[in-house]
């Protein structure tokens, strides 16, 4: 039994459609990461200095943690 290798070009517009879908998928992931970072920053910002100290953080760590979260 022989294998038959054929190559066909993608249907008209398939590559463009894939690129558009990929763009919007990447945009959705970026938006989700930004929102996670925002929520983390807001939640940690509401804590008092004592509460932050209890979990081993200081106020200046909030931005670093939120940035790493994204």
PDB file of N, CA and C in Angstrom:
ATOM      1  N   UNK A   1       0.844  -1.170   0.000  1.00  0.00           N
ATOM      2  CA  UNK A   1       0.000   0.000   0.000  1.00  0.00           C
ATOM      3  C   UNK A   1       0.895   1.241   0.000  1.00  0.00           C
ATOM      4  N   UNK A   2       0.713   2.068  -0.953  1.00  0.00           N
ATOM      5  CA  UNK A   2       1.538   3.266  -1.084  1.00  0.00           C
ATOM      6  C   UNK A   2       0.801   4.466  -0.504  1.00  0.00           C
ATOM      7  N   UNK A   3       1.571   5.316   0.110  1.00  0.00           N
ATOM      8  CA  UNK A   3       0.993   6.549   0.646  1.00  0.00           C
ATOM      9  C   UNK A   3       0.997   7.603  -0.452  1.00  0.00           C
ATOM     10  N   UNK A   4      -0.099   8.269  -0.592  1.00  0.00           N
ATOM     11  CA  UNK A   4      -0.222   9.299  -1.608  1.00  0.00           C
ATOM     12  C   UNK A   4      -0.099  10.666  -0.937  1.00  0.00           C
ATOM     13  N   UNK A   5       0.938  11.402  -1.290  1.00  0.00           N
ATOM     14  CA  UNK A   5       1.171  12.718  -0.707  1.00  0.00           C
ATOM     15  C   UNK A   5       0.629  13.777  -1.657  1.00  0.00           C
ATOM     16  N   UNK A   6      -0.310  14.539  -1.183  1.00  0.00           N
ATOM     17  CA  UNK A   6      -0.804  15.650  -1.982  1.00  0.00           C
ATOM     18  C   UNK A   6      -0.722  16.920  -1.149  1.00  0.00           C
ATOM     19  N   UNK A   7      -0.439  17.995  -1.792  1.00  0.00           N
ATOM     20  CA  UNK A   7      -0.441  19.284  -1.107  1.00  0.00           C
ATOM     21  C   UNK A   7      -1.414  20.185  -1.836  1.00  0.00           C
ATOM     22  N   UNK A   8      -2.233  20.818  -1.054  1.00  0.00           N
ATOM     23  CA  UNK A   8      -3.199  21.743  -1.628  1.00  0.00           C
ATOM     24  C   UNK A   8      -3.061  23.069  -0.911  1.00  0.00           C
ATOM     25  N   UNK A   9      -3.281  24.151  -1.600  1.00  0.00           N
ATOM     26  CA  UNK A   9      -3.255  25.447  -0.917  1.00  0.00           C
ATOM     27  C   UNK A   9      -4.484  25.579  -0.006  1.00  0.00           C
ATOM     28  N   UNK A  10      -4.359  26.411   0.982  1.00  0.00           N
ATOM     29  CA  UNK A  10      -5.478  26.640   1.890  1.00  0.00           C
ATOM     30  C   UNK A  10      -6.619  27.300   1.120  1.00  0.00           C
ATOM     31  N   UNK A  11      -7.843  27.032   1.529  1.00  0.00           N
ATOM     32  CA  UNK A  11      -8.980  27.666   0.852  1.00  0.00           C
ATOM     33  C   UNK A  11      -8.892  29.189   0.948  1.00  0.00           C
ATOM     34  N   UNK A  12      -9.524  29.860   0.017  1.00  0.00           N
ATOM     35  CA  UNK A  12      -9.487  31.312  -0.040  1.00  0.00           C
ATOM     36  C   UNK A  12      -9.941  31.922   1.280  1.00  0.00           C
ATOM     37  N   UNK A  13      -9.099  32.749   1.875  1.00  0.00           N
ATOM     38  CA  UNK A  13      -9.442  33.452   3.105  1.00  0.00           C
ATOM     39  C   UNK A  13      -9.157  32.686   4.379  1.00  0.00           C
ATOM     40  N   UNK A  14      -8.711  31.456   4.302  1.00  0.00           N
ATOM     41  CA  UNK A  14      -8.487  30.657   5.506  1.00  0.00           C
ATOM     42  C   UNK A  14      -7.347  31.216   6.343  1.00  0.00           C
ATOM     43  N   UNK A  15      -6.296  31.643   5.709  1.00  0.00           N
ATOM     44  CA  UNK A  15      -5.138  32.171   6.443  1.00  0.00           C
ATOM     45  C   UNK A  15      -5.497  33.499   7.095  1.00  0.00           C
ATOM     46  N   UNK A  16      -6.198  34.352   6.360  1.00  0.00           N
ATOM     47  CA  UNK A  16      -6.627  35.633   6.916  1.00  0.00           C
ATOM     48  C   UNK A  16      -7.560  35.416   8.098  1.00  0.00           C
ATOM     49  N   UNK A  17      -8.481  34.492   7.965  1.00  0.00           N
ATOM     50  CA  UNK A  17      -9.405  34.185   9.059  1.00  0.00           C
ATOM     51  C   UNK A  17      -8.647  33.678  10.272  1.00  0.00           C
ATOM     52  N   UNK A  18      -7.672  32.812  10.058  1.00  0.00           N
ATOM     53  CA  UNK A  18      -6.861  32.297  11.165  1.00  0.00           C
ATOM     54  C   UNK A  18      -6.119  33.420  11.871  1.00  0.00           C
ATOM     55  N   UNK A  19      -5.543  34.347  11.099  1.00  0.00           N
ATOM     56  CA  UNK A  19      -4.809  35.467  11.693  1.00  0.00           C
ATOM     57  C   UNK A  19      -5.731  36.374  12.495  1.00  0.00           C
ATOM     58  N   UNK A  20      -6.931  36.609  12.002  1.00  0.00           N
ATOM     59  CA  UNK A  20      -7.894  37.452  12.716  1.00  0.00           C
ATOM     60  C   UNK A  20      -8.311  36.783  14.019  1.00  0.00           C
ATOM     61  N   UNK A  21      -8.615  35.507  13.962  1.00  0.00           N
ATOM     62  CA  UNK A  21      -9.005  34.773  15.169  1.00  0.00           C
ATOM     63  C   UNK A  21      -7.855  34.745  16.168  1.00  0.00           C
ATOM     64  N   UNK A  22      -6.642  34.542  15.692  1.00  0.00           N
ATOM     65  CA  UNK A  22      -5.471  34.537  16.570  1.00  0.00           C
ATOM     66  C   UNK A  22      -5.267  35.900  17.227  1.00  0.00           C
ATOM     67  N   UNK A  23      -5.465  36.974  16.454  1.00  0.00           N
ATOM     68  CA  UNK A  23      -5.318  38.328  16.993  1.00  0.00           C
ATOM     69  C   UNK A  23      -6.311  38.557  18.128  1.00  0.00           C
ATOM     70  N   UNK A  24      -7.579  38.231  17.899  1.00  0.00           N
ATOM     71  CA  UNK A  24      -8.584  38.456  18.934  1.00  0.00           C
ATOM     72  C   UNK A  24      -8.386  37.527  20.129  1.00  0.00           C
ATOM     73  N   UNK A  25      -7.881  36.332  19.897  1.00  0.00           N
ATOM     74  CA  UNK A  25      -7.561  35.431  21.008  1.00  0.00           C
ATOM     75  C   UNK A  25      -6.440  35.978  21.865  1.00  0.00           C
ATOM     76  N   UNK A  26      -5.406  36.512  21.220  1.00  0.00           N
ATOM     77  CA  UNK A  26      -4.287  37.112  21.957  1.00  0.00           C
ATOM     78  C   UNK A  26      -4.746  38.362  22.706  1.00  0.00           C
ATOM     79  N   UNK A  27      -5.620  39.140  22.091  1.00  0.00           N
ATOM     80  CA  UNK A  27      -6.142  40.344  22.747  1.00  0.00           C
ATOM     81  C   UNK A  27      -6.966  39.958  23.980  1.00  0.00           C
ATOM     82  N   UNK A  28      -7.746  38.900  23.879  1.00  0.00           N
ATOM     83  CA  UNK A  28      -8.540  38.444  25.023  1.00  0.00           C
ATOM     84  C   UNK A  28      -7.640  37.964  26.152  1.00  0.00           C
ATOM     85  N   UNK A  29      -6.557  37.252  25.821  1.00  0.00           N
ATOM     86  CA  UNK A  29      -5.612  36.804  26.846  1.00  0.00           C
ATOM     87  C   UNK A  29      -4.915  37.987  27.517  1.00  0.00           C
ATOM     88  N   UNK A  30      -4.543  38.989  26.728  1.00  0.00           N
ATOM     89  CA  UNK A  30      -3.896  40.178  27.290  1.00  0.00           C
ATOM     90  C   UNK A  30      -4.851  40.936  28.198  1.00  0.00           C
ATOM     91  N   UNK A  31      -6.097  41.043  27.794  1.00  0.00           N
ATOM     92  CA  UNK A  31      -7.106  41.717  28.617  1.00  0.00           C
ATOM     93  C   UNK A  31      -7.335  40.966  29.916  1.00  0.00           C
ATOM     94  N   UNK A  32      -7.372  39.665  29.851  1.00  0.00           N
ATOM     95  CA  UNK A  32      -7.554  38.844  31.047  1.00  0.00           C
ATOM     96  C   UNK A  32      -6.372  38.994  32.000  1.00  0.00           C
ATOM     97  N   UNK A  33      -5.160  39.004  31.463  1.00  0.00           N
ATOM     98  CA  UNK A  33      -3.967  39.171  32.301  1.00  0.00           C
ATOM     99  C   UNK A  33      -3.950  40.552  32.945  1.00  0.00           C
ATOM    100  N   UNK A  34      -4.336  41.577  32.185  1.00  0.00           N
ATOM    101  CA  UNK A  34      -4.391  42.935  32.732  1.00  0.00           C
ATOM    102  C   UNK A  34      -5.409  43.007  33.864  1.00  0.00           C
ATOM    103  N   UNK A  35      -6.561  42.383  33.668  1.00  0.00           N
ATOM    104  CA  UNK A  35      -7.599  42.412  34.695  1.00  0.00           C
ATOM    105  C   UNK A  35      -7.160  41.658  35.953  1.00  0.00           C
ATOM    106  N   UNK A  36      -6.505  40.517  35.793  1.00  0.00           N
ATOM    107  CA  UNK A  36      -5.987  39.780  36.948  1.00  0.00           C
ATOM    108  C   UNK A  36      -5.002  40.636  37.737  1.00  0.00           C
ATOM    109  N   UNK A  37      -4.142  41.338  37.013  1.00  0.00           N
ATOM    110  CA  UNK A  37      -3.167  42.213  37.659  1.00  0.00           C
ATOM    111  C   UNK A  37      -3.869  43.346  38.402  1.00  0.00           C
ATOM    112  N   UNK A  38      -4.876  43.928  37.780  1.00  0.00           N
ATOM    113  CA  UNK A  38      -5.637  45.012  38.395  1.00  0.00           C
ATOM    114  C   UNK A  38      -6.342  44.564  39.659  1.00  0.00           C
ATOM    115  N   UNK A  39      -6.974  43.392  39.617  1.00  0.00           N
ATOM    116  CA  UNK A  39      -7.685  42.864  40.779  1.00  0.00           C
ATOM    117  C   UNK A  39      -6.706  42.568  41.916  1.00  0.00           C
ATOM    118  N   UNK A  40      -5.562  41.990  41.579  1.00  0.00           N
ATOM    119  CA  UNK A  40      -4.539  41.703  42.590  1.00  0.00           C
ATOM    120  C   UNK A  40      -4.054  42.989  43.243  1.00  0.00           C
ATOM    121  N   UNK A  41      -3.742  43.991  42.421  1.00  0.00           N
ATOM    122  CA  UNK A  41      -3.267  45.269  42.942  1.00  0.00           C
ATOM    123  C   UNK A  41      -4.313  45.925  43.840  1.00  0.00           C
ATOM    124  N   UNK A  42      -5.567  45.873  43.422  1.00  0.00           N
ATOM    125  CA  UNK A  42      -6.646  46.491  44.200  1.00  0.00           C
ATOM    126  C   UNK A  42      -6.864  45.758  45.522  1.00  0.00           C
ATOM    127  N   UNK A  43      -6.848  44.430  45.486  1.00  0.00           N
ATOM    128  CA  UNK A  43      -7.058  43.644  46.708  1.00  0.00           C
ATOM    129  C   UNK A  43      -5.934  43.853  47.713  1.00  0.00           C
ATOM    130  N   UNK A  44      -4.700  43.818  47.246  1.00  0.00           N
ATOM    131  CA  UNK A  44      -3.574  44.026  48.151  1.00  0.00           C
ATOM    132  C   UNK A  44      -3.517  45.471  48.646  1.00  0.00           C
ATOM    133  N   UNK A  45      -3.952  46.408  47.818  1.00  0.00           N
ATOM    134  CA  UNK A  45      -3.951  47.806  48.214  1.00  0.00           C
ATOM    135  C   UNK A  45      -4.932  48.106  49.338  1.00  0.00           C
ATOM    136  N   UNK A  46      -5.965  47.292  49.455  1.00  0.00           N
ATOM    137  CA  UNK A  46      -6.958  47.491  50.516  1.00  0.00           C
ATOM    138  C   UNK A  46      -6.455  47.030  51.883  1.00  0.00           C
ATOM    139  N   UNK A  47      -5.415  46.202  51.900  1.00  0.00           N
ATOM    140  CA  UNK A  47      -4.904  45.691  53.171  1.00  0.00           C
ATOM    141  C   UNK A  47      -4.116  46.768  53.906  1.00  0.00           C
ATOM    142  N   UNK A  48      -4.167  46.692  55.223  1.00  0.00           N
ATOM    143  CA  UNK A  48      -3.374  47.627  56.031  1.00  0.00           C
ATOM    144  C   UNK A  48      -1.914  47.190  56.016  1.00  0.00           C
ATOM    145  N   UNK A  49      -1.039  48.090  56.482  1.00  0.00           N
ATOM    146  CA  UNK A  49       0.387  47.747  56.544  1.00  0.00           C
ATOM    147  C   UNK A  49       0.621  46.551  57.466  1.00  0.00           C
ATOM    148  N   UNK A  50      -0.146  46.453  58.524  1.00  0.00           N
ATOM    149  CA  UNK A  50      -0.019  45.326  59.456  1.00  0.00           C
ATOM    150  C   UNK A  50      -0.418  44.014  58.780  1.00  0.00           C
ATOM    151  N   UNK A  51      -1.518  44.040  58.037  1.00  0.00           N
ATOM    152  CA  UNK A  51      -1.962  42.830  57.337  1.00  0.00           C
ATOM    153  C   UNK A  51      -0.954  42.416  56.263  1.00  0.00           C
ATOM    154  N   UNK A  52      -0.409  43.393  55.575  1.00  0.00           N
ATOM    155  CA  UNK A  52       0.622  43.077  54.581  1.00  0.00           C
ATOM    156  C   UNK A  52       1.848  42.468  55.244  1.00  0.00           C
ATOM    157  N   UNK A  53       2.224  43.013  56.389  1.00  0.00           N
ATOM    158  CA  UNK A  53       3.372  42.487  57.122  1.00  0.00           C
ATOM    159  C   UNK A  53       3.111  41.049  57.578  1.00  0.00           C
ATOM    160  N   UNK A  54       1.867  40.745  57.934  1.00  0.00           N
ATOM    161  CA  UNK A  54       1.512  39.384  58.355  1.00  0.00           C
ATOM    162  C   UNK A  54       1.743  38.360  57.246  1.00  0.00           C
ATOM    163  N   UNK A  55       1.574  38.777  56.001  1.00  0.00           N
ATOM    164  CA  UNK A  55       1.793  37.835  54.887  1.00  0.00           C
ATOM    165  C   UNK A  55       3.162  38.029  54.249  1.00  0.00           C
ATOM    166  N   UNK A  56       4.006  38.817  54.899  1.00  0.00           N
ATOM    167  CA  UNK A  56       5.389  38.954  54.456  1.00  0.00           C
ATOM    168  C   UNK A  56       5.594  39.923  53.311  1.00  0.00           C
ATOM    169  N   UNK A  57       4.726  40.919  53.188  1.00  0.00           N
ATOM    170  CA  UNK A  57       4.854  41.901  52.119  1.00  0.00           C
ATOM    171  C   UNK A  57       4.927  43.306  52.693  1.00  0.00           C
ATOM    172  N   UNK A  58       5.402  44.216  51.875  1.00  0.00           N
ATOM    173  CA  UNK A  58       5.318  45.633  52.226  1.00  0.00           C
ATOM    174  C   UNK A  58       4.607  46.331  51.066  1.00  0.00           C
ATOM    175  N   UNK A  59       4.227  47.562  51.281  1.00  0.00           N
ATOM    176  CA  UNK A  59       3.436  48.281  50.295  1.00  0.00           C
ATOM    177  C   UNK A  59       4.147  48.375  48.939  1.00  0.00           C
ATOM    178  N   UNK A  60       5.456  48.478  48.958  1.00  0.00           N
ATOM    179  CA  UNK A  60       6.194  48.588  47.689  1.00  0.00           C
ATOM    180  C   UNK A  60       6.216  47.272  46.905  1.00  0.00           C
ATOM    181  N   UNK A  61       5.889  46.160  47.547  1.00  0.00           N
ATOM    182  CA  UNK A  61       5.858  44.866  46.853  1.00  0.00           C
ATOM    183  C   UNK A  61       4.605  44.685  45.997  1.00  0.00           C
ATOM    184  N   UNK A  62       3.579  45.481  46.247  1.00  0.00           N
ATOM    185  CA  UNK A  62       2.292  45.285  45.572  1.00  0.00           C
ATOM    186  C   UNK A  62       2.438  45.399  44.060  1.00  0.00           C
ATOM    187  N   UNK A  63       3.101  46.427  43.579  1.00  0.00           N
ATOM    188  CA  UNK A  63       3.242  46.626  42.135  1.00  0.00           C
ATOM    189  C   UNK A  63       4.047  45.500  41.498  1.00  0.00           C
ATOM    190  N   UNK A  64       5.088  45.045  42.172  1.00  0.00           N
ATOM    191  CA  UNK A  64       5.917  43.962  41.640  1.00  0.00           C
ATOM    192  C   UNK A  64       5.103  42.672  41.538  1.00  0.00           C
ATOM    193  N   UNK A  65       4.329  42.381  42.556  1.00  0.00           N
ATOM    194  CA  UNK A  65       3.511  41.169  42.569  1.00  0.00           C
ATOM    195  C   UNK A  65       2.438  41.247  41.490  1.00  0.00           C
ATOM    196  N   UNK A  66       1.797  42.404  41.373  1.00  0.00           N
ATOM    197  CA  UNK A  66       0.751  42.566  40.358  1.00  0.00           C
ATOM    198  C   UNK A  66       1.344  42.458  38.952  1.00  0.00           C
ATOM    199  N   UNK A  67       2.532  42.983  38.734  1.00  0.00           N
ATOM    200  CA  UNK A  67       3.185  42.906  37.429  1.00  0.00           C
ATOM    201  C   UNK A  67       3.554  41.462  37.108  1.00  0.00           C
ATOM    202  N   UNK A  68       4.057  40.729  38.113  1.00  0.00           N
ATOM    203  CA  UNK A  68       4.426  39.333  37.905  1.00  0.00           C
ATOM    204  C   UNK A  68       3.199  38.460  37.666  1.00  0.00           C
ATOM    205  N   UNK A  69       2.077  38.881  38.187  1.00  0.00           N
ATOM    206  CA  UNK A  69       0.818  38.138  38.026  1.00  0.00           C
ATOM    207  C   UNK A  69       0.379  38.133  36.570  1.00  0.00           C
ATOM    208  N   UNK A  70       0.693  39.206  35.845  1.00  0.00           N
ATOM    209  CA  UNK A  70       0.243  39.336  34.452  1.00  0.00           C
ATOM    210  C   UNK A  70       1.026  38.501  33.505  1.00  0.00           C
TER     211      UNK A  70
END
